[in-house]
């Protein structure tokens, strides 16, 4: 069995989670946030200190000593690849591509076959589990996601249900097949949306630039928003565990729109519900690292660390050296090359990689972009990114020697 989880047990959900050096989770008496009472879950985040047979990416996520930084890219499977565009031409529906096992596996493996990244992330969408909790949506090729019945009142909550994992079997099947295809040559990654980010779609009815409906709800109907976020958090925790049991060796949580909140409001409306997810997952699957990424997270780094995830993803607007200083070296980091650099000459790509790696240090760093691969990115430049990543060696006195040689050859 591919599961990395311990036997599951019931875990009460609270609004906060403190990961301590304990053997199993437990619930303690409530604490408060601005007068609201909530339970605090204490659960283990301890990783066994023994030789690891994990893929390189998982080792780095856990802060173990590795010989080079593992590398993968957000959106590494997608429209910039000719193979993907050809397949999309035959299967024009995004939901068909992201909800059909054979297509998911084929698309997920396209960058693996072309570039050999250290992580193979499942081709899916953060909205994929919504129908499994009673929220229907469609994808318009120009407008993006459209929620059939946005939630704006207490009545809207009545249609929510406990997540029905039988409706996302294609996700589990795909992850299992990816593990078989990749073996231990790379880590298989799953991912989910953070509760706040998912709630923005559910309340706004789709994509938005202003987030006025959900922000207004946070002031005028906080109990309603809390109930929605709590339901989403419980469902997403179950969904993460399901992905791990199916074969995912690392999970990334995307709080894509967390950066649209002020730091104080992120503390209130995003962080506690991410903590609920982390606490539940760590209680059942303590050995599987969790990555948290939020776009525009420069003002949130220290707060993101308080979620007790294993890795913080930095976007490209943060200097990696400053990010390391603010987070400390006891937590791993991911990122954070500017995606636009991949349009530059290869020598500039090499320089950008070397700069990030040098600033991140030789422990607990997963090399990635600071956001997803942009449409139109040259595939040969993506290939170059991974070639340079593989050429770096922490064991050399000058860890950039091979990269500098490669860069010089391009001049």
Protein backbone atom coordinates (compact mmCIF):
# COMPACT_ATOMS: atom_id res chain seq x y z
CA UNK A 1 0.00 0.00 0.00
CA UNK A 2 1.28 3.46 -0.89
CA UNK A 3 -0.16 5.20 2.14
CA UNK A 4 2.27 7.21 4.25
CA UNK A 5 -0.32 7.76 6.95
CA UNK A 6 -0.56 6.23 10.34
CA UNK A 7 -3.87 4.68 11.25
CA UNK A 8 -6.47 7.40 11.29
CA UNK A 9 -8.32 8.47 14.40
CA UNK A 10 -10.90 11.10 15.19
CA UNK A 11 -9.48 14.58 15.66
CA UNK A 12 -11.53 17.52 16.85
CA UNK A 13 -11.23 20.56 14.65
CA UNK A 14 -10.32 23.93 16.15
CA UNK A 15 -9.28 27.24 14.74
CA UNK A 16 -5.65 26.93 15.73
CA UNK A 17 -2.96 24.30 15.78
CA UNK A 18 0.28 24.14 17.73
CA UNK A 19 2.67 21.43 16.56
CA UNK A 20 4.70 20.18 19.50
CA UNK A 21 7.13 17.35 20.16
CA UNK A 22 4.44 14.84 21.07
CA UNK A 23 3.64 11.36 19.88
CA UNK A 24 0.05 11.96 18.91
CA UNK A 25 -2.43 14.83 18.74
CA UNK A 26 -4.66 15.87 21.58
CA UNK A 27 -7.17 18.61 22.20
CA UNK A 28 -6.61 21.12 24.97
CA UNK A 29 -8.83 23.76 26.48
CA UNK A 30 -9.92 26.64 24.33
CA UNK A 31 -8.04 29.85 23.64
CA UNK A 32 -9.53 32.97 22.16
CA UNK A 33 -9.02 35.34 19.28
CA UNK A 34 -10.74 38.69 19.75
CA UNK A 35 -13.33 37.09 22.02
CA UNK A 36 -14.00 34.04 19.87
CA UNK A 37 -13.37 30.73 21.63
CA UNK A 38 -11.68 27.89 19.83
CA UNK A 39 -9.97 24.61 20.57
CA UNK A 40 -6.24 24.29 20.04
CA UNK A 41 -4.90 21.02 18.74
CA UNK A 42 -1.41 19.92 19.66
CA UNK A 43 0.10 17.35 17.38
CA UNK A 44 3.44 16.00 16.34
CA UNK A 45 5.71 17.44 13.66
CA UNK A 46 8.72 15.33 14.56
CA UNK A 47 10.46 13.56 11.70
CA UNK A 48 12.46 10.46 12.54
CA UNK A 49 16.21 11.12 12.48
CA UNK A 50 17.40 8.19 10.40
CA UNK A 51 18.83 7.60 6.93
CA UNK A 52 16.18 8.53 4.40
CA UNK A 53 15.07 6.58 1.36
CA UNK A 54 12.79 9.45 0.40
CA UNK A 55 13.14 11.24 -2.94
CA UNK A 56 15.47 14.24 -2.91
CA UNK A 57 12.62 16.76 -2.80
CA UNK A 58 11.06 15.15 0.25
CA UNK A 59 14.41 15.06 2.02
CA UNK A 60 14.91 18.77 1.40
CA UNK A 61 11.37 19.53 2.54
CA UNK A 62 12.13 17.77 5.82
CA UNK A 63 15.35 19.76 6.22
CA UNK A 64 17.61 16.77 5.74
CA UNK A 65 21.08 17.06 4.26
CA UNK A 66 21.06 16.73 0.47
CA UNK A 67 23.77 17.07 -2.17
CA UNK A 68 21.95 19.68 -4.28
CA UNK A 69 18.69 21.61 -4.27
CA UNK A 70 15.81 19.59 -5.75
CA UNK A 71 13.84 21.47 -8.40
CA UNK A 72 10.34 21.52 -9.81
CA UNK A 73 8.07 24.28 -11.13
CA UNK A 74 4.57 25.36 -10.31
CA UNK A 75 2.42 24.93 -13.45
CA UNK A 76 5.22 22.86 -14.96
CA UNK A 77 2.56 21.02 -16.98
CA UNK A 78 0.56 23.42 -19.09
CA UNK A 79 0.05 25.61 -22.12
CA UNK A 80 3.70 26.56 -22.64
CA UNK A 81 4.36 22.94 -23.70
CA UNK A 82 3.63 21.93 -27.30
CA UNK A 83 2.64 18.44 -26.17
CA UNK A 84 0.01 19.90 -23.83
CA UNK A 85 -1.40 22.20 -26.51
CA UNK A 86 -1.70 19.28 -28.90
CA UNK A 87 -3.55 17.20 -26.30
CA UNK A 88 -5.77 20.16 -25.36
CA UNK A 89 -6.71 20.51 -29.01
CA UNK A 90 -8.15 17.00 -28.90
CA UNK A 91 -9.73 17.50 -25.47
CA UNK A 92 -10.78 21.17 -25.29
CA UNK A 93 -12.61 20.92 -21.96
CA UNK A 94 -10.34 21.75 -19.04
CA UNK A 95 -12.50 19.72 -16.68
CA UNK A 96 -12.22 16.71 -18.96
CA UNK A 97 -8.43 17.07 -18.96
CA UNK A 98 -8.27 17.50 -15.18
CA UNK A 99 -10.90 14.91 -14.24
CA UNK A 100 -10.04 11.98 -16.51
CA UNK A 101 -7.43 9.62 -15.08
CA UNK A 102 -5.61 8.79 -18.32
CA UNK A 103 -5.40 12.45 -19.35
CA UNK A 104 -4.29 13.57 -15.88
CA UNK A 105 -1.46 11.06 -15.86
CA UNK A 106 -0.38 11.85 -19.41
CA UNK A 107 -0.31 15.60 -18.78
CA UNK A 108 1.41 15.26 -15.40
CA UNK A 109 4.16 13.17 -16.98
CA UNK A 110 4.80 15.50 -19.94
CA UNK A 111 7.30 17.72 -18.06
CA UNK A 112 8.78 14.69 -16.33
CA UNK A 113 9.53 13.08 -19.66
CA UNK A 114 10.93 16.30 -21.12
CA UNK A 115 12.85 17.85 -18.22
CA UNK A 116 13.18 15.28 -15.38
CA UNK A 117 12.22 17.60 -12.51
CA UNK A 118 12.62 16.33 -8.96
CA UNK A 119 8.90 16.72 -8.35
CA UNK A 120 5.97 15.53 -10.46
CA UNK A 121 2.82 17.38 -9.43
CA UNK A 122 -0.58 16.02 -10.37
CA UNK A 123 -2.38 17.97 -13.08
CA UNK A 124 -5.52 19.13 -11.34
CA UNK A 125 -7.20 22.27 -10.02
CA UNK A 126 -7.81 23.69 -6.56
CA UNK A 127 -11.56 23.71 -7.31
CA UNK A 128 -11.66 20.01 -8.19
CA UNK A 129 -13.02 18.83 -4.79
CA UNK A 130 -15.85 21.39 -4.64
CA UNK A 131 -18.56 19.18 -6.22
CA UNK A 132 -17.66 16.54 -3.64
CA UNK A 133 -18.85 18.92 -0.90
CA UNK A 134 -21.96 20.05 -2.78
CA UNK A 135 -20.67 23.06 -4.70
CA UNK A 136 -21.01 22.83 -8.46
CA UNK A 137 -18.88 24.84 -10.85
CA UNK A 138 -17.97 25.15 -14.51
CA UNK A 139 -14.88 26.46 -16.26
CA UNK A 140 -15.44 29.09 -18.93
CA UNK A 141 -12.46 29.23 -21.26
CA UNK A 142 -12.48 33.05 -21.18
CA UNK A 143 -14.07 33.95 -17.83
CA UNK A 144 -12.54 31.17 -15.76
CA UNK A 145 -14.41 29.31 -13.00
CA UNK A 146 -18.10 30.01 -12.46
CA UNK A 147 -19.81 28.80 -9.27
CA UNK A 148 -23.38 27.67 -9.94
CA UNK A 149 -24.82 28.85 -6.61
CA UNK A 150 -22.59 31.27 -4.69
CA UNK A 151 -23.07 31.25 -0.93
CA UNK A 152 -24.28 34.53 0.50
CA UNK A 153 -26.53 33.50 3.40
CA UNK A 154 -27.15 30.82 6.01
CA UNK A 155 -29.41 29.04 3.54
CA UNK A 156 -26.43 28.52 1.24
CA UNK A 157 -24.69 26.46 3.90
CA UNK A 158 -27.51 23.91 3.90
CA UNK A 159 -26.32 22.52 0.59
CA UNK A 160 -22.86 21.71 1.93
CA UNK A 161 -21.99 18.10 2.73
CA UNK A 162 -19.12 16.12 4.14
CA UNK A 163 -16.65 15.50 1.35
CA UNK A 164 -17.60 12.49 -0.77
CA UNK A 165 -14.23 11.11 -1.85
CA UNK A 166 -15.89 8.76 -4.30
CA UNK A 167 -16.41 11.83 -6.49
CA UNK A 168 -12.66 12.45 -6.77
CA UNK A 169 -11.52 8.90 -7.39
CA UNK A 170 -9.74 10.07 -10.53
CA UNK A 171 -7.37 12.05 -8.30
CA UNK A 172 -6.43 9.03 -6.22
CA UNK A 173 -6.14 6.78 -9.26
CA UNK A 174 -3.88 9.29 -10.99
CA UNK A 175 -1.59 9.71 -8.00
CA UNK A 176 -1.21 5.94 -7.66
CA UNK A 177 -0.35 5.61 -11.34
CA UNK A 178 2.13 8.48 -11.14
CA UNK A 179 3.92 6.77 -8.24
CA UNK A 180 4.24 3.63 -10.34
CA UNK A 181 5.51 5.56 -13.36
CA UNK A 182 8.01 7.75 -11.50
CA UNK A 183 9.12 5.27 -8.85
CA UNK A 184 11.61 6.82 -6.47
CA UNK A 185 13.29 8.94 -9.16
CA UNK A 186 11.17 11.94 -8.19
CA UNK A 187 8.60 12.92 -5.61
CA UNK A 188 4.92 12.83 -6.53
CA UNK A 189 3.17 15.96 -5.29
CA UNK A 190 -0.47 16.55 -4.56
CA UNK A 191 -2.03 19.92 -3.84
CA UNK A 192 -5.07 21.69 -2.48
CA UNK A 193 -6.42 25.20 -2.17
CA UNK A 194 -6.39 26.88 1.22
CA UNK A 195 -9.84 27.43 2.78
CA UNK A 196 -9.81 31.22 2.35
CA UNK A 197 -8.80 30.98 -1.30
CA UNK A 198 -11.52 28.42 -2.04
CA UNK A 199 -14.06 30.51 -0.16
CA UNK A 200 -13.33 33.52 -2.37
CA UNK A 201 -14.62 31.59 -5.38
CA UNK A 202 -17.59 30.17 -3.48
CA UNK A 203 -18.74 33.56 -2.19
CA UNK A 204 -17.77 35.75 -5.14
CA UNK A 205 -19.18 33.26 -7.67
CA UNK A 206 -15.92 33.00 -9.56
CA UNK A 207 -12.75 34.98 -10.11
CA UNK A 208 -12.58 38.56 -8.84
CA UNK A 209 -10.17 41.45 -8.63
CA UNK A 210 -11.74 43.17 -5.65
CA UNK A 211 -12.94 40.43 -3.23
CA UNK A 212 -15.62 42.84 -2.02
CA UNK A 213 -18.34 40.25 -1.41
CA UNK A 214 -16.28 37.99 0.83
CA UNK A 215 -14.61 40.89 2.63
CA UNK A 216 -18.00 42.43 3.26
CA UNK A 217 -19.20 39.08 4.61
CA UNK A 218 -16.23 39.02 7.02
CA UNK A 219 -17.53 42.24 8.59
CA UNK A 220 -21.30 41.84 8.31
CA UNK A 221 -21.71 38.07 8.73
CA UNK A 222 -18.55 36.71 10.40
CA UNK A 223 -20.35 33.67 11.81
CA UNK A 224 -21.46 32.71 8.31
CA UNK A 225 -17.97 33.04 6.89
CA UNK A 226 -16.52 31.12 9.83
CA UNK A 227 -18.97 28.27 9.27
CA UNK A 228 -18.10 28.14 5.58
CA UNK A 229 -14.34 28.21 6.16
CA UNK A 230 -14.59 25.57 8.90
CA UNK A 231 -16.51 23.24 6.60
CA UNK A 232 -13.99 23.76 3.81
CA UNK A 233 -11.06 23.16 6.17
CA UNK A 234 -12.47 19.84 7.37
CA UNK A 235 -13.13 18.73 3.80
CA UNK A 236 -9.69 19.79 2.56
CA UNK A 237 -7.98 17.97 5.42
CA UNK A 238 -9.75 14.76 4.41
CA UNK A 239 -8.86 15.41 0.78
CA UNK A 240 -5.17 15.85 1.62
CA UNK A 241 -5.11 12.58 3.56
CA UNK A 242 -6.82 10.88 0.62
CA UNK A 243 -4.14 12.15 -1.75
CA UNK A 244 -1.39 10.92 0.57
CA UNK A 245 -2.99 7.51 0.91
CA UNK A 246 -3.14 7.33 -2.89
CA UNK A 247 0.57 8.05 -3.28
CA UNK A 248 1.36 11.75 -2.83
CA UNK A 249 4.67 12.18 -1.01
CA UNK A 250 4.39 15.92 -0.46
CA UNK A 251 1.40 18.28 -0.50
CA UNK A 252 1.35 21.94 -1.45
CA UNK A 253 -1.35 24.21 -0.03
CA UNK A 254 -2.09 27.15 -2.33
CA UNK A 255 -3.41 30.22 -0.54
CA UNK A 256 -3.44 31.97 -3.88
CA UNK A 257 -5.54 34.91 -2.70
CA UNK A 258 -4.28 35.12 0.88
CA UNK A 259 -2.17 38.08 -0.16
CA UNK A 260 -5.38 40.02 -0.81
CA UNK A 261 -5.91 40.25 2.96
CA UNK A 262 -4.15 42.61 5.32
CA UNK A 263 -1.80 40.72 7.66
CA UNK A 264 -4.25 41.17 10.53
CA UNK A 265 -7.17 39.86 8.47
CA UNK A 266 -5.04 36.97 7.20
CA UNK A 267 -4.50 36.08 10.86
CA UNK A 268 -8.26 36.00 11.32
CA UNK A 269 -9.61 34.58 8.08
CA UNK A 270 -6.90 32.43 6.55
CA UNK A 271 -4.29 31.27 9.02
CA UNK A 272 -6.59 29.57 11.55
CA UNK A 273 -8.24 27.44 8.88
CA UNK A 274 -4.92 26.45 7.32
CA UNK A 275 -3.88 25.45 10.83
CA UNK A 276 -6.96 23.24 11.07
CA UNK A 277 -5.93 21.45 7.88
CA UNK A 278 -2.30 21.09 8.96
CA UNK A 279 -3.20 19.84 12.42
CA UNK A 280 -5.57 17.19 11.11
CA UNK A 281 -3.17 15.99 8.41
CA UNK A 282 -0.17 15.92 10.74
CA UNK A 283 -2.22 13.91 13.21
CA UNK A 284 -2.72 11.19 10.61
CA UNK A 285 0.29 11.55 8.27
CA UNK A 286 3.08 13.15 10.34
CA UNK A 287 5.89 12.08 8.00
CA UNK A 288 4.51 13.78 4.88
CA UNK A 289 5.80 17.35 4.40
CA UNK A 290 3.38 20.17 3.72
CA UNK A 291 4.26 23.26 1.69
CA UNK A 292 2.37 26.55 1.99
CA UNK A 293 2.46 29.07 -0.83
CA UNK A 294 0.65 32.40 -0.97
CA UNK A 295 1.01 34.82 -3.85
CA UNK A 296 2.06 38.26 -2.62
CA UNK A 297 3.22 36.87 0.72
CA UNK A 298 5.97 39.37 1.54
CA UNK A 299 4.00 40.73 4.48
CA UNK A 300 2.92 37.31 5.72
CA UNK A 301 6.09 35.19 6.03
CA UNK A 302 6.32 35.11 9.82
CA UNK A 303 2.59 34.49 10.05
CA UNK A 304 2.79 31.68 7.50
CA UNK A 305 5.38 29.96 9.65
CA UNK A 306 2.87 29.88 12.51
CA UNK A 307 0.72 27.45 10.52
CA UNK A 308 3.31 24.73 11.31
CA UNK A 309 3.81 23.61 7.75
CA UNK A 310 7.21 22.18 6.82
CA UNK A 311 8.02 24.46 3.89
CA UNK A 312 7.19 28.07 3.06
CA UNK A 313 7.03 28.99 -0.62
CA UNK A 314 8.35 32.46 -1.42
CA UNK A 315 7.10 34.45 -4.38
CA UNK A 316 9.61 36.23 -6.60
CA UNK A 317 9.09 39.66 -5.01
CA UNK A 318 10.89 38.57 -1.84
CA UNK A 319 14.67 38.53 -1.69
CA UNK A 320 15.57 34.96 -0.72
CA UNK A 321 18.21 36.19 1.72
CA UNK A 322 15.63 38.35 3.48
CA UNK A 323 13.16 35.48 3.47
CA UNK A 324 15.69 33.18 5.10
CA UNK A 325 16.52 35.83 7.69
CA UNK A 326 12.89 36.33 8.59
CA UNK A 327 11.96 32.63 8.68
CA UNK A 328 15.14 31.22 10.22
CA UNK A 329 16.87 28.03 9.18
CA UNK A 330 14.67 25.58 11.10
CA UNK A 331 12.01 25.62 8.38
CA UNK A 332 12.51 24.78 4.73
CA UNK A 333 11.83 27.23 1.94
CA UNK A 334 10.80 26.92 -1.69
CA UNK A 335 11.36 29.25 -4.63
CA UNK A 336 11.79 31.78 -5.86
CA UNK A 337 13.16 32.60 -9.32
CA UNK A 338 11.12 35.22 -11.18
CA UNK A 339 9.06 33.32 -13.82
CA UNK A 340 9.78 36.09 -16.33
CA UNK A 341 13.49 35.28 -16.17
CA UNK A 342 12.72 32.21 -18.26
CA UNK A 343 12.18 34.57 -21.21
CA UNK A 344 15.72 35.95 -20.78
CA UNK A 345 18.97 34.58 -22.24
CA UNK A 346 20.13 31.31 -20.71
CA UNK A 347 23.05 33.03 -19.02
CA UNK A 348 20.58 35.24 -17.11
CA UNK A 349 18.59 32.16 -16.07
CA UNK A 350 21.76 30.57 -14.73
CA UNK A 351 22.63 33.73 -12.83
CA UNK A 352 19.16 33.96 -11.30
CA UNK A 353 19.28 30.32 -10.17
CA UNK A 354 22.74 30.73 -8.64
CA UNK A 355 21.66 33.84 -6.77
CA UNK A 356 18.60 32.15 -5.24
CA UNK A 357 20.49 28.97 -4.33
CA UNK A 358 23.36 30.87 -2.75
CA UNK A 359 21.00 32.97 -0.63
CA UNK A 360 18.88 29.98 0.38
CA UNK A 361 21.87 28.00 1.66
CA UNK A 362 22.64 24.32 1.49
CA UNK A 363 19.87 22.95 3.68
CA UNK A 364 16.10 22.95 3.42
CA UNK A 365 15.68 24.55 0.01
CA UNK A 366 13.51 23.42 -2.89
CA UNK A 367 14.34 25.33 -6.05
CA UNK A 368 11.25 26.60 -7.85
CA UNK A 369 9.86 29.69 -9.49
CA UNK A 370 8.20 32.37 -7.40
CA UNK A 371 4.96 31.70 -9.29
CA UNK A 372 3.77 29.38 -12.05
CA UNK A 373 5.36 28.98 -15.47
CA UNK A 374 4.04 31.70 -17.77
CA UNK A 375 2.28 30.99 -21.05
CA UNK A 376 4.75 31.40 -23.91
CA UNK A 377 7.79 30.40 -21.87
CA UNK A 378 10.34 28.73 -24.20
CA UNK A 379 10.55 25.03 -23.44
CA UNK A 380 14.31 25.04 -24.03
CA UNK A 381 14.67 27.61 -21.26
CA UNK A 382 12.69 25.39 -18.89
CA UNK A 383 15.03 22.56 -19.84
CA UNK A 384 18.00 24.81 -19.11
CA UNK A 385 16.58 25.66 -15.67
CA UNK A 386 16.54 22.00 -14.71
CA UNK A 387 19.94 21.28 -16.27
CA UNK A 388 21.52 24.01 -14.16
CA UNK A 389 19.69 22.81 -11.05
CA UNK A 390 21.09 19.31 -11.54
CA UNK A 391 24.60 20.68 -12.08
CA UNK A 392 24.79 22.36 -8.68
CA UNK A 393 26.62 20.48 -5.94
CA UNK A 394 26.64 21.48 -2.28
CA UNK A 395 29.63 19.20 -1.76
CA UNK A 396 31.92 21.28 -3.91
CA UNK A 397 33.84 24.02 -2.14
CA UNK A 398 32.38 26.34 -4.75
CA UNK A 399 28.88 24.98 -5.22
CA UNK A 400 28.39 27.03 -8.34
CA UNK A 401 31.49 25.89 -10.21
CA UNK A 402 29.65 23.61 -12.64
CA UNK A 403 26.89 26.16 -13.13
CA UNK A 404 29.36 28.94 -13.87
CA UNK A 405 31.08 26.75 -16.42
CA UNK A 406 27.73 26.06 -18.06
CA UNK A 407 26.92 29.78 -18.04
CA UNK A 408 30.28 30.71 -19.53
CA UNK A 409 29.75 28.23 -22.34
CA UNK A 410 26.66 30.16 -23.37
CA UNK A 411 28.43 33.48 -23.72
